């Protein structure tokens, strides 16, 4: 319905759970994202609709990676490796948040994001 299919995998093979072999849903996909799972996981490319929300993406990643959506924190990094990693909002569309083609989405599980305003280094 909202997201597409896993296109390729790179990186080390996880020893804790097998990588997804295929995810498919209906609808035209217009963004290709690089998914970086938690440590030990295998990097995967995922085709999605730009109108999909962060919550939609978490639901697909829950099925693919085995981590409950409510435990996931997603960070988006567009462009170069030096670009900032920005939190993905569950309620907004990916394109509306500025997620671009080939963006890297890092999945963190049971981790809280520290914003610059809340950083101990800034206090």
Protein backbone atom coordinates (compact mmCIF):
# COMPACT_ATOMS: atom_id res chain seq x y z
CA UNK A 1 0.00 0.00 0.00
CA UNK A 2 2.48 2.65 1.05
CA UNK A 3 5.98 1.37 0.50
CA UNK A 4 7.79 -0.61 -2.13
CA UNK A 5 10.34 -3.37 -2.17
CA UNK A 6 13.83 -4.13 -1.00
CA UNK A 7 16.10 -3.76 -3.98
CA UNK A 8 19.56 -4.76 -2.77
CA UNK A 9 21.57 -5.52 0.32
CA UNK A 10 25.11 -4.52 1.28
CA UNK A 11 27.35 -4.95 4.28
CA UNK A 12 27.89 -7.70 6.81
CA UNK A 13 25.25 -10.31 7.33
CA UNK A 14 23.48 -10.15 10.68
CA UNK A 15 24.06 -13.15 12.90
CA UNK A 16 20.93 -12.48 14.98
CA UNK A 17 18.19 -12.45 12.36
CA UNK A 18 18.08 -13.20 8.63
CA UNK A 19 17.82 -10.24 6.23
CA UNK A 20 14.48 -9.65 4.53
CA UNK A 21 14.21 -11.40 1.21
CA UNK A 22 11.42 -9.30 -0.27
CA UNK A 23 8.96 -6.61 0.76
CA UNK A 24 6.29 -5.49 -1.62
CA UNK A 25 3.20 -3.35 -1.43
CA UNK A 26 0.93 -1.63 -3.87
CA UNK A 27 1.37 1.89 -5.21
CA UNK A 28 3.95 3.77 -7.21
CA UNK A 29 7.22 4.44 -5.42
CA UNK A 30 9.22 7.58 -6.13
CA UNK A 31 12.03 7.58 -3.53
CA UNK A 32 14.89 5.13 -3.19
CA UNK A 33 16.26 5.14 0.36
CA UNK A 34 19.30 3.44 1.88
CA UNK A 35 18.32 1.81 5.18
CA UNK A 36 21.03 1.40 7.82
CA UNK A 37 19.75 -1.03 10.50
CA UNK A 38 21.07 -1.27 14.07
CA UNK A 39 24.57 -2.68 14.62
CA UNK A 40 25.12 -6.05 13.02
CA UNK A 41 22.38 -5.54 10.45
CA UNK A 42 22.70 -5.47 6.71
CA UNK A 43 22.29 -2.20 4.76
CA UNK A 44 19.28 -2.38 2.46
CA UNK A 45 17.81 -0.20 -0.28
CA UNK A 46 14.08 0.44 -0.06
CA UNK A 47 11.79 2.05 -2.60
CA UNK A 48 9.01 4.18 -1.03
CA UNK A 49 6.37 6.75 -1.88
CA UNK A 50 7.36 10.28 -0.94
CA UNK A 51 3.91 10.78 0.62
CA UNK A 52 4.52 7.92 3.10
CA UNK A 53 4.89 9.12 6.67
CA UNK A 54 7.62 8.27 9.13
CA UNK A 55 5.12 5.97 10.88
CA UNK A 56 4.45 4.17 7.58
CA UNK A 57 8.17 3.62 7.08
CA UNK A 58 8.55 2.32 10.66
CA UNK A 59 5.73 -0.21 10.06
CA UNK A 60 7.51 -1.63 6.99
CA UNK A 61 10.85 -1.67 8.80
CA UNK A 62 9.20 -3.50 11.72
CA UNK A 63 8.26 -6.34 9.37
CA UNK A 64 11.63 -6.33 7.62
CA UNK A 65 13.96 -5.91 10.60
CA UNK A 66 11.91 -7.37 13.45
CA UNK A 67 12.04 -4.30 15.72
CA UNK A 68 8.72 -2.91 16.99
CA UNK A 69 7.84 0.43 15.38
CA UNK A 70 7.44 2.14 18.75
CA UNK A 71 11.05 1.27 19.67
CA UNK A 72 12.51 2.70 16.45
CA UNK A 73 14.03 6.13 15.99
CA UNK A 74 14.69 7.05 12.37
CA UNK A 75 17.32 9.57 11.31
CA UNK A 76 17.59 10.93 7.76
CA UNK A 77 20.81 12.04 6.13
CA UNK A 78 20.58 13.57 2.66
CA UNK A 79 23.58 13.98 0.38
CA UNK A 80 27.11 13.64 1.70
CA UNK A 81 28.36 11.82 4.78
CA UNK A 82 28.93 15.24 6.36
CA UNK A 83 25.25 16.20 6.15
CA UNK A 84 23.33 16.43 9.42
CA UNK A 85 21.26 13.45 10.56
CA UNK A 86 17.76 14.77 11.19
CA UNK A 87 14.98 12.90 13.06
CA UNK A 88 12.15 11.61 10.86
CA UNK A 89 8.73 12.83 12.05
CA UNK A 90 6.16 10.03 12.36
CA UNK A 91 3.22 12.23 11.32
CA UNK A 92 4.61 13.99 8.25
CA UNK A 93 5.26 12.77 4.72
CA UNK A 94 8.85 11.91 3.88
CA UNK A 95 9.11 14.42 1.00
CA UNK A 96 7.46 17.09 3.18
CA UNK A 97 10.32 16.58 5.66
CA UNK A 98 12.93 17.09 2.96
CA UNK A 99 13.86 13.42 2.50
CA UNK A 100 15.57 13.18 -0.88
CA UNK A 101 16.30 10.41 -3.37
CA UNK A 102 19.10 8.13 -2.08
CA UNK A 103 18.84 9.52 1.45
CA UNK A 104 20.33 7.34 4.16
CA UNK A 105 17.83 6.36 6.88
CA UNK A 106 19.52 5.17 10.07
CA UNK A 107 17.39 2.97 12.34
CA UNK A 108 18.09 3.16 16.05
CA UNK A 109 16.30 0.93 18.54
CA UNK A 110 15.51 1.93 22.13
CA UNK A 111 17.65 5.06 21.84
CA UNK A 112 16.60 8.59 22.68
CA UNK A 113 17.65 11.39 20.35
CA UNK A 114 19.43 14.28 22.05
CA UNK A 115 18.59 17.58 20.36
CA UNK A 116 21.16 20.40 20.36
CA UNK A 117 18.95 22.33 22.78
CA UNK A 118 18.95 19.44 25.27
CA UNK A 119 22.64 18.60 24.94
CA UNK A 120 24.69 18.66 28.13
CA UNK A 121 27.49 20.24 26.13
CA UNK A 122 25.37 23.34 25.52
CA UNK A 123 24.43 23.86 29.16
